[in-house]
Amino acid sequence: KKACQFKRSLLQNCSGIEDPTFGYSKGQPCILLKMNRIIG
């Protein structure tokens, strides 16, 4: 099966691109949430 792109740039301020510390150095941390995979 083909898979859809999910680019980290979509996460904007939490992508780690512009701010490599994900806000931790400023006391403004980013947390990523992921749903468990369930077939179908």
All heavy atoms as atom14 arrays in JSON, in Angstrom:
{
  "sequence": "KKACQFKRSLLQNCSGIEDPTFGYSKGQPCILLKMNRIIG",
  "atom14_mask": [
    [1, 1, 1, 1, 1, 1, 1, 1, 1, 0, 0, 0, 0, 0],
    [1, 1, 1, 1, 1, 1, 1, 1, 1, 0, 0, 0, 0, 0],
    [1, 1, 1, 1, 1, 0, 0, 0, 0, 0, 0, 0, 0, 0],
    [1, 1, 1, 1, 1, 1, 0, 0, 0, 0, 0, 0, 0, 0],
    [1, 1, 1, 1, 1, 1, 1, 1, 1, 0, 0, 0, 0, 0],
    [1, 1, 1, 1, 1, 1, 1, 1, 1, 1, 1, 0, 0, 0],
    [1, 1, 1, 1, 1, 1, 1, 1, 1, 0, 0, 0, 0, 0],
    [1, 1, 1, 1, 1, 1, 1, 1, 1, 1, 1, 0, 0, 0],
    [1, 1, 1, 1, 1, 1, 0, 0, 0, 0, 0, 0, 0, 0],
    [1, 1, 1, 1, 1, 1, 1, 1, 0, 0, 0, 0, 0, 0],
    [1, 1, 1, 1, 1, 1, 1, 1, 0, 0, 0, 0, 0, 0],
    [1, 1, 1, 1, 1, 1, 1, 1, 1, 0, 0, 0, 0, 0],
    [1, 1, 1, 1, 1, 1, 1, 1, 0, 0, 0, 0, 0, 0],
    [1, 1, 1, 1, 1, 1, 0, 0, 0, 0, 0, 0, 0, 0],
    [1, 1, 1, 1, 1, 1, 0, 0, 0, 0, 0, 0, 0, 0],
    [1, 1, 1, 1, 0, 0, 0, 0, 0, 0, 0, 0, 0, 0],
    [1, 1, 1, 1, 1, 1, 1, 1, 0, 0, 0, 0, 0, 0],
    [1, 1, 1, 1, 1, 1, 1, 1, 1, 0, 0, 0, 0, 0],
    [1, 1, 1, 1, 1, 1, 1, 1, 0, 0, 0, 0, 0, 0],
    [1, 1, 1, 1, 1, 1, 1, 0, 0, 0, 0, 0, 0, 0],
    [1, 1, 1, 1, 1, 1, 1, 0, 0, 0, 0, 0, 0, 0],
    [1, 1, 1, 1, 1, 1, 1, 1, 1, 1, 1, 0, 0, 0],
    [1, 1, 1, 1, 0, 0, 0, 0, 0, 0, 0, 0, 0, 0],
    [1, 1, 1, 1, 1, 1, 1, 1, 1, 1, 1, 1, 0, 0],
    [1, 1, 1, 1, 1, 1, 0, 0, 0, 0, 0, 0, 0, 0],
    [1, 1, 1, 1, 1, 1, 1, 1, 1, 0, 0, 0, 0, 0],
    [1, 1, 1, 1, 0, 0, 0, 0, 0, 0, 0, 0, 0, 0],
    [1, 1, 1, 1, 1, 1, 1, 1, 1, 0, 0, 0, 0, 0],
    [1, 1, 1, 1, 1, 1, 1, 0, 0, 0, 0, 0, 0, 0],
    [1, 1, 1, 1, 1, 1, 0, 0, 0, 0, 0, 0, 0, 0],
    [1, 1, 1, 1, 1, 1, 1, 1, 0, 0, 0, 0, 0, 0],
    [1, 1, 1, 1, 1, 1, 1, 1, 0, 0, 0, 0, 0, 0],
    [1, 1, 1, 1, 1, 1, 1, 1, 0, 0, 0, 0, 0, 0],
    [1, 1, 1, 1, 1, 1, 1, 1, 1, 0, 0, 0, 0, 0],
    [1, 1, 1, 1, 1, 1, 1, 1, 0, 0, 0, 0, 0, 0],
    [1, 1, 1, 1, 1, 1, 1, 1, 0, 0, 0, 0, 0, 0],
    [1, 1, 1, 1, 1, 1, 1, 1, 1, 1, 1, 0, 0, 0],
    [1, 1, 1, 1, 1, 1, 1, 1, 0, 0, 0, 0, 0, 0],
    [1, 1, 1, 1, 1, 1, 1, 1, 0, 0, 0, 0, 0, 0],
    [1, 1, 1, 1, 0, 0, 0, 0, 0, 0, 0, 0, 0, 0]
  ],
  "atom14_positions": [
    [[0.83, -1.2, 0.0], [0.0, 0.0, 0.0], [0.87, 1.26, 0.0], [1.98, 1.27, 0.52], [-0.91, 0.02, 1.23], [-1.72, -1.26, 1.43], [-2.63, -1.57, 0.26], [-3.44, -2.84, 0.53], [-4.3, -3.22, -0.62], [0.0, 0.0, 0.0], [0.0, 0.0, 0.0], [0.0, 0.0, 0.0], [0.0, 0.0, 0.0], [0.0, 0.0, 0.0]],
    [[0.33, 2.31, -0.57], [1.01, 3.6, -0.57], [0.72, 4.31, 0.75], [-0.31, 4.09, 1.39], [0.53, 4.45, -1.75], [0.87, 3.85, -3.11], [0.33, 4.72, -4.23], [0.64, 4.1, -5.6], [0.1, 4.93, -6.72], [0.0, 0.0, 0.0], [0.0, 0.0, 0.0], [0.0, 0.0, 0.0], [0.0, 0.0, 0.0], [0.0, 0.0, 0.0]],
    [[1.65, 5.16, 1.14], [1.49, 5.9, 2.39], [1.55, 7.4, 2.12], [2.25, 7.86, 1.22], [2.59, 5.5, 3.37], [0.0, 0.0, 0.0], [0.0, 0.0, 0.0], [0.0, 0.0, 0.0], [0.0, 0.0, 0.0], [0.0, 0.0, 0.0], [0.0, 0.0, 0.0], [0.0, 0.0, 0.0], [0.0, 0.0, 0.0], [0.0, 0.0, 0.0]],
    [[0.8, 8.15, 2.91], [0.74, 9.6, 2.75], [1.89, 10.27, 3.48], [2.32, 9.81, 4.54], [-0.58, 10.13, 3.29], [-2.05, 9.5, 2.43], [0.0, 0.0, 0.0], [0.0, 0.0, 0.0], [0.0, 0.0, 0.0], [0.0, 0.0, 0.0], [0.0, 0.0, 0.0], [0.0, 0.0, 0.0], [0.0, 0.0, 0.0], [0.0, 0.0, 0.0]],
    [[2.34, 11.37, 2.93], [3.42, 12.13, 3.54], [2.94, 12.83, 4.81], [1.86, 13.42, 4.84], [3.95, 13.19, 2.58], [4.62, 12.65, 1.33], [5.05, 13.76, 0.39], [4.93, 14.95, 0.71], [5.55, 13.39, -0.78], [0.0, 0.0, 0.0], [0.0, 0.0, 0.0], [0.0, 0.0, 0.0], [0.0, 0.0, 0.0], [0.0, 0.0, 0.0]],
    [[3.76, 12.72, 5.84], [3.59, 13.57, 7.01], [4.97, 14.17, 7.29], [5.84, 13.52, 7.84], [3.09, 12.82, 8.24], [2.7, 13.76, 9.37], [1.37, 14.07, 9.59], [3.67, 14.34, 10.18], [1.02, 14.96, 10.62], [3.33, 15.22, 11.19], [2.0, 15.53, 11.41], [0.0, 0.0, 0.0], [0.0, 0.0, 0.0], [0.0, 0.0, 0.0]],
    [[5.16, 15.43, 6.86], [6.44, 16.09, 7.0], [6.55, 16.79, 8.35], [5.59, 17.37, 8.84], [6.62, 17.13, 5.88], [6.57, 16.54, 4.49], [6.69, 17.65, 3.45], [6.64, 17.1, 2.03], [6.74, 18.19, 1.01], [0.0, 0.0, 0.0], [0.0, 0.0, 0.0], [0.0, 0.0, 0.0], [0.0, 0.0, 0.0], [0.0, 0.0, 0.0]],
    [[7.73, 16.73, 8.92], [7.91, 17.35, 10.23], [7.71, 18.86, 10.17], [7.38, 19.48, 11.19], [9.28, 17.01, 10.81], [10.47, 17.61, 10.1], [11.77, 17.08, 10.64], [12.02, 17.48, 12.02], [13.05, 17.05, 12.75], [13.91, 16.18, 12.22], [13.23, 17.46, 13.99], [0.0, 0.0, 0.0], [0.0, 0.0, 0.0], [0.0, 0.0, 0.0]],
    [[7.87, 19.46, 8.99], [7.65, 20.9, 8.86], [6.2, 21.28, 9.17], [5.92, 22.42, 9.51], [8.03, 21.38, 7.46], [7.27, 20.72, 6.46], [0.0, 0.0, 0.0], [0.0, 0.0, 0.0], [0.0, 0.0, 0.0], [0.0, 0.0, 0.0], [0.0, 0.0, 0.0], [0.0, 0.0, 0.0], [0.0, 0.0, 0.0], [0.0, 0.0, 0.0]],
    [[5.28, 20.31, 9.07], [3.88, 20.56, 9.43], [3.73, 20.91, 10.91], [2.74, 21.53, 11.31], [3.01, 19.34, 9.11], [2.83, 18.98, 7.63], [2.11, 17.64, 7.52], [2.04, 20.06, 6.91], [0.0, 0.0, 0.0], [0.0, 0.0, 0.0], [0.0, 0.0, 0.0], [0.0, 0.0, 0.0], [0.0, 0.0, 0.0], [0.0, 0.0, 0.0]],
    [[4.71, 20.52, 11.7], [4.64, 20.75, 13.13], [5.08, 22.15, 13.51], [5.09, 22.5, 14.7], [5.5, 19.71, 13.87], [5.11, 18.24, 13.62], [6.09, 17.32, 14.31], [3.69, 17.97, 14.09], [0.0, 0.0, 0.0], [0.0, 0.0, 0.0], [0.0, 0.0, 0.0], [0.0, 0.0, 0.0], [0.0, 0.0, 0.0], [0.0, 0.0, 0.0]],
    [[5.49, 22.93, 12.52], [5.82, 24.35, 12.68], [6.76, 24.61, 13.86], [7.9, 24.16, 13.86], [4.53, 25.16, 12.79], [3.63, 25.0, 11.55], [2.35, 25.79, 11.66], [2.34, 26.94, 12.07], [1.25, 25.18, 11.29], [0.0, 0.0, 0.0], [0.0, 0.0, 0.0], [0.0, 0.0, 0.0], [0.0, 0.0, 0.0], [0.0, 0.0, 0.0]],
    [[6.32, 25.3, 14.89], [7.19, 25.66, 16.0], [7.67, 24.46, 16.8], [8.59, 24.59, 17.63], [6.49, 26.64, 16.95], [6.25, 27.99, 16.31], [6.9, 28.35, 15.32], [5.32, 28.76, 16.85], [0.0, 0.0, 0.0], [0.0, 0.0, 0.0], [0.0, 0.0, 0.0], [0.0, 0.0, 0.0], [0.0, 0.0, 0.0], [0.0, 0.0, 0.0]],
    [[7.05, 23.31, 16.58], [7.44, 22.09, 17.29], [8.14, 21.09, 16.35], [8.25, 19.91, 16.66], [6.23, 21.41, 17.92], [5.58, 22.3, 19.36], [0.0, 0.0, 0.0], [0.0, 0.0, 0.0], [0.0, 0.0, 0.0], [0.0, 0.0, 0.0], [0.0, 0.0, 0.0], [0.0, 0.0, 0.0], [0.0, 0.0, 0.0], [0.0, 0.0, 0.0]],
    [[8.6, 21.58, 15.21], [9.26, 20.69, 14.24], [10.73, 20.45, 14.55], [11.33, 19.5, 14.06], [9.13, 21.28, 12.83], [9.87, 22.49, 12.74], [0.0, 0.0, 0.0], [0.0, 0.0, 0.0], [0.0, 0.0, 0.0], [0.0, 0.0, 0.0], [0.0, 0.0, 0.0], [0.0, 0.0, 0.0], [0.0, 0.0, 0.0], [0.0, 0.0, 0.0]],
    [[11.32, 21.34, 15.34], [12.74, 21.23, 15.62], [13.6, 21.79, 14.51], [14.83, 21.64, 14.54], [0.0, 0.0, 0.0], [0.0, 0.0, 0.0], [0.0, 0.0, 0.0], [0.0, 0.0, 0.0], [0.0, 0.0, 0.0], [0.0, 0.0, 0.0], [0.0, 0.0, 0.0], [0.0, 0.0, 0.0], [0.0, 0.0, 0.0], [0.0, 0.0, 0.0]],
    [[12.98, 22.44, 13.54], [13.72, 23.0, 12.4], [14.23, 24.4, 12.74], [15.44, 24.66, 12.73], [12.85, 23.02, 11.14], [12.45, 21.59, 10.75], [13.59, 23.7, 9.99], [11.45, 21.51, 9.6], [0.0, 0.0, 0.0], [0.0, 0.0, 0.0], [0.0, 0.0, 0.0], [0.0, 0.0, 0.0], [0.0, 0.0, 0.0], [0.0, 0.0, 0.0]],
    [[13.32, 25.32, 13.07], [13.73, 26.67, 13.43], [14.26, 26.73, 14.86], [15.19, 27.48, 15.15], [12.56, 27.64, 13.26], [12.13, 27.83, 11.81], [11.05, 28.9, 11.67], [10.72, 29.55, 12.68], [10.57, 29.07, 10.54], [0.0, 0.0, 0.0], [0.0, 0.0, 0.0], [0.0, 0.0, 0.0], [0.0, 0.0, 0.0], [0.0, 0.0, 0.0]],
    [[13.66, 25.97, 15.74], [14.13, 25.91, 17.13], [14.55, 24.46, 17.42], [13.71, 23.61, 17.74], [13.02, 26.34, 18.1], [13.46, 26.22, 19.56], [14.65, 25.95, 19.81], [12.6, 26.4, 20.45], [0.0, 0.0, 0.0], [0.0, 0.0, 0.0], [0.0, 0.0, 0.0], [0.0, 0.0, 0.0], [0.0, 0.0, 0.0], [0.0, 0.0, 0.0]],
    [[15.85, 24.16, 17.32], [16.32, 22.78, 17.52], [16.09, 22.24, 18.92], [16.26, 21.04, 19.15], [17.83, 22.88, 17.22], [18.0, 24.15, 16.45], [16.93, 25.07, 16.95], [0.0, 0.0, 0.0], [0.0, 0.0, 0.0], [0.0, 0.0, 0.0], [0.0, 0.0, 0.0], [0.0, 0.0, 0.0], [0.0, 0.0, 0.0], [0.0, 0.0, 0.0]],
    [[15.69, 23.1, 19.87], [15.47, 22.63, 21.24], [13.99, 22.37, 21.52], [13.62, 22.04, 22.65], [16.0, 23.64, 22.28], [15.17, 24.81, 22.29], [17.44, 24.03, 21.97], [0.0, 0.0, 0.0], [0.0, 0.0, 0.0], [0.0, 0.0, 0.0], [0.0, 0.0, 0.0], [0.0, 0.0, 0.0], [0.0, 0.0, 0.0], [0.0, 0.0, 0.0]],
    [[13.13, 22.54, 20.52], [11.69, 22.27, 20.67], [11.07, 23.07, 21.82], [10.13, 22.61, 22.46], [11.43, 20.78, 20.88], [11.88, 19.91, 19.76], [13.12, 19.29, 19.8], [11.09, 19.71, 18.64], [13.55, 18.48, 18.75], [11.51, 18.91, 17.6], [12.75, 18.29, 17.64], [0.0, 0.0, 0.0], [0.0, 0.0, 0.0], [0.0, 0.0, 0.0]],
    [[11.64, 24.24, 22.11], [11.09, 25.09, 23.16], [11.6, 24.8, 24.55], [11.33, 25.56, 25.49], [0.0, 0.0, 0.0], [0.0, 0.0, 0.0], [0.0, 0.0, 0.0], [0.0, 0.0, 0.0], [0.0, 0.0, 0.0], [0.0, 0.0, 0.0], [0.0, 0.0, 0.0], [0.0, 0.0, 0.0], [0.0, 0.0, 0.0], [0.0, 0.0, 0.0]],
    [[12.34, 23.72, 24.73], [12.79, 23.33, 26.07], [13.76, 24.35, 26.65], [13.77, 24.57, 27.87], [13.41, 21.93, 26.03], [12.37, 20.84, 25.93], [11.77, 20.55, 24.71], [11.96, 20.12, 27.04], [10.8, 19.57, 24.6], [10.99, 19.13, 26.96], [10.41, 18.86, 25.72], [9.45, 17.9, 25.63], [0.0, 0.0, 0.0], [0.0, 0.0, 0.0]],
    [[14.57, 24.97, 25.81], [15.53, 25.96, 26.3], [14.84, 27.22, 26.79], [15.45, 28.04, 27.47], [16.53, 26.31, 25.19], [15.86, 26.92, 24.09], [0.0, 0.0, 0.0], [0.0, 0.0, 0.0], [0.0, 0.0, 0.0], [0.0, 0.0, 0.0], [0.0, 0.0, 0.0], [0.0, 0.0, 0.0], [0.0, 0.0, 0.0], [0.0, 0.0, 0.0]],
    [[13.56, 27.4, 26.45], [12.81, 28.58, 26.86], [11.77, 28.25, 27.93], [11.0, 29.13, 28.34], [12.1, 29.19, 25.65], [13.03, 29.54, 24.49], [12.23, 29.98, 23.27], [13.15, 30.23, 22.08], [12.37, 30.59, 20.85], [0.0, 0.0, 0.0], [0.0, 0.0, 0.0], [0.0, 0.0, 0.0], [0.0, 0.0, 0.0], [0.0, 0.0, 0.0]],
    [[11.7, 27.0, 28.33], [10.67, 26.59, 29.28], [9.31, 26.48, 28.66], [8.28, 26.57, 29.35], [0.0, 0.0, 0.0], [0.0, 0.0, 0.0], [0.0, 0.0, 0.0], [0.0, 0.0, 0.0], [0.0, 0.0, 0.0], [0.0, 0.0, 0.0], [0.0, 0.0, 0.0], [0.0, 0.0, 0.0], [0.0, 0.0, 0.0], [0.0, 0.0, 0.0]],
    [[9.28, 26.3, 27.32], [8.02, 26.16, 26.58], [8.07, 24.86, 25.76], [8.17, 24.88, 24.53], [7.82, 27.36, 25.65], [7.75, 28.69, 26.38], [7.63, 29.86, 25.43], [8.01, 29.8, 24.26], [7.07, 30.96, 25.92], [0.0, 0.0, 0.0], [0.0, 0.0, 0.0], [0.0, 0.0, 0.0], [0.0, 0.0, 0.0], [0.0, 0.0, 0.0]],
    [[7.99, 23.72, 26.41], [8.24, 22.45, 25.75], [7.15, 22.02, 24.78], [5.97, 22.33, 24.94], [8.32, 21.45, 26.91], [7.45, 22.06, 27.97], [7.66, 23.56, 27.83], [0.0, 0.0, 0.0], [0.0, 0.0, 0.0], [0.0, 0.0, 0.0], [0.0, 0.0, 0.0], [0.0, 0.0, 0.0], [0.0, 0.0, 0.0], [0.0, 0.0, 0.0]],
    [[7.58, 21.3, 23.75], [6.67, 20.65, 22.8], [6.52, 19.18, 23.17], [7.51, 18.51, 23.5], [7.2, 20.76, 21.38], [7.14, 22.43, 20.67], [0.0, 0.0, 0.0], [0.0, 0.0, 0.0], [0.0, 0.0, 0.0], [0.0, 0.0, 0.0], [0.0, 0.0, 0.0], [0.0, 0.0, 0.0], [0.0, 0.0, 0.0], [0.0, 0.0, 0.0]],
    [[5.31, 18.69, 23.1], [5.01, 17.27, 23.29], [4.3, 16.78, 22.05], [3.39, 17.43, 21.54], [4.11, 17.05, 24.53], [4.73, 17.68, 25.78], [3.84, 15.56, 24.74], [5.99, 17.02, 26.25], [0.0, 0.0, 0.0], [0.0, 0.0, 0.0], [0.0, 0.0, 0.0], [0.0, 0.0, 0.0], [0.0, 0.0, 0.0], [0.0, 0.0, 0.0]],
    [[4.71, 15.61, 21.56], [4.07, 15.02, 20.38], [3.11, 13.92, 20.81], [3.44, 13.09, 21.65], [5.13, 14.44, 19.43], [6.22, 15.4, 18.96], [7.22, 14.67, 18.06], [5.61, 16.59, 18.22], [0.0, 0.0, 0.0], [0.0, 0.0, 0.0], [0.0, 0.0, 0.0], [0.0, 0.0, 0.0], [0.0, 0.0, 0.0], [0.0, 0.0, 0.0]],
    [[1.92, 13.93, 20.21], [0.91, 12.9, 20.49], [0.75, 12.01, 19.26], [0.71, 12.5, 18.13], [-0.43, 13.53, 20.83], [-0.49, 14.5, 22.0], [-1.93, 14.95, 22.24], [0.08, 13.88, 23.26], [0.0, 0.0, 0.0], [0.0, 0.0, 0.0], [0.0, 0.0, 0.0], [0.0, 0.0, 0.0], [0.0, 0.0, 0.0], [0.0, 0.0, 0.0]],
    [[0.65, 10.71, 19.51], [0.48, 9.74, 18.43], [-0.58, 8.73, 18.83], [-0.52, 8.15, 19.92], [1.81, 9.02, 18.15], [1.75, 8.02, 17.0], [3.13, 7.42, 16.75], [3.5, 6.4, 17.78], [2.71, 5.14, 17.65], [0.0, 0.0, 0.0], [0.0, 0.0, 0.0], [0.0, 0.0, 0.0], [0.0, 0.0, 0.0], [0.0, 0.0, 0.0]],
    [[-1.54, 8.51, 17.94], [-2.54, 7.47, 18.18], [-1.96, 6.09, 17.86], [-1.17, 5.95, 16.91], [-3.79, 7.7, 17.33], [-4.72, 8.75, 17.86], [-6.39, 8.64, 17.14], [-6.11, 9.24, 15.49], [0.0, 0.0, 0.0], [0.0, 0.0, 0.0], [0.0, 0.0, 0.0], [0.0, 0.0, 0.0], [0.0, 0.0, 0.0], [0.0, 0.0, 0.0]],
    [[-2.37, 5.1, 18.62], [-1.95, 3.74, 18.32], [-2.5, 3.29, 16.97], [-3.6, 3.66, 16.58], [-2.44, 2.77, 19.41], [-1.78, 3.03, 20.74], [-0.8, 3.77, 20.83], [-2.31, 2.43, 21.79], [0.0, 0.0, 0.0], [0.0, 0.0, 0.0], [0.0, 0.0, 0.0], [0.0, 0.0, 0.0], [0.0, 0.0, 0.0], [0.0, 0.0, 0.0]],
    [[-1.71, 2.47, 16.28], [-2.15, 1.97, 14.98], [-3.11, 0.8, 15.14], [-2.85, -0.14, 15.89], [-0.94, 1.5, 14.15], [0.07, 2.61, 13.85], [1.24, 2.05, 13.06], [2.24, 3.07, 12.77], [3.34, 2.86, 12.07], [3.6, 1.63, 11.6], [4.2, 3.83, 11.85], [0.0, 0.0, 0.0], [0.0, 0.0, 0.0], [0.0, 0.0, 0.0]],
    [[-4.21, 0.88, 14.42], [-5.2, -0.21, 14.43], [-5.55, -0.52, 12.98], [-6.03, 0.36, 12.25], [-6.46, 0.18, 15.21], [-6.11, 0.54, 16.66], [-7.48, -0.96, 15.17], [-7.29, 1.05, 17.46], [0.0, 0.0, 0.0], [0.0, 0.0, 0.0], [0.0, 0.0, 0.0], [0.0, 0.0, 0.0], [0.0, 0.0, 0.0], [0.0, 0.0, 0.0]],
    [[-5.32, -1.73, 12.55], [-5.55, -2.1, 11.15], [-7.02, -1.92, 10.77], [-7.92, -2.42, 11.45], [-5.11, -3.56, 10.9], [-3.6, -3.7, 11.09], [-5.49, -4.01, 9.5], [-3.09, -5.12, 10.94], [0.0, 0.0, 0.0], [0.0, 0.0, 0.0], [0.0, 0.0, 0.0], [0.0, 0.0, 0.0], [0.0, 0.0, 0.0], [0.0, 0.0, 0.0]],
    [[-7.22, -1.16, 9.7], [-8.57, -0.98, 9.17], [-9.41, 0.06, 9.87], [-10.52, 0.37, 9.42], [0.0, 0.0, 0.0], [0.0, 0.0, 0.0], [0.0, 0.0, 0.0], [0.0, 0.0, 0.0], [0.0, 0.0, 0.0], [0.0, 0.0, 0.0], [0.0, 0.0, 0.0], [0.0, 0.0, 0.0], [0.0, 0.0, 0.0], [0.0, 0.0, 0.0]]
  ]
}
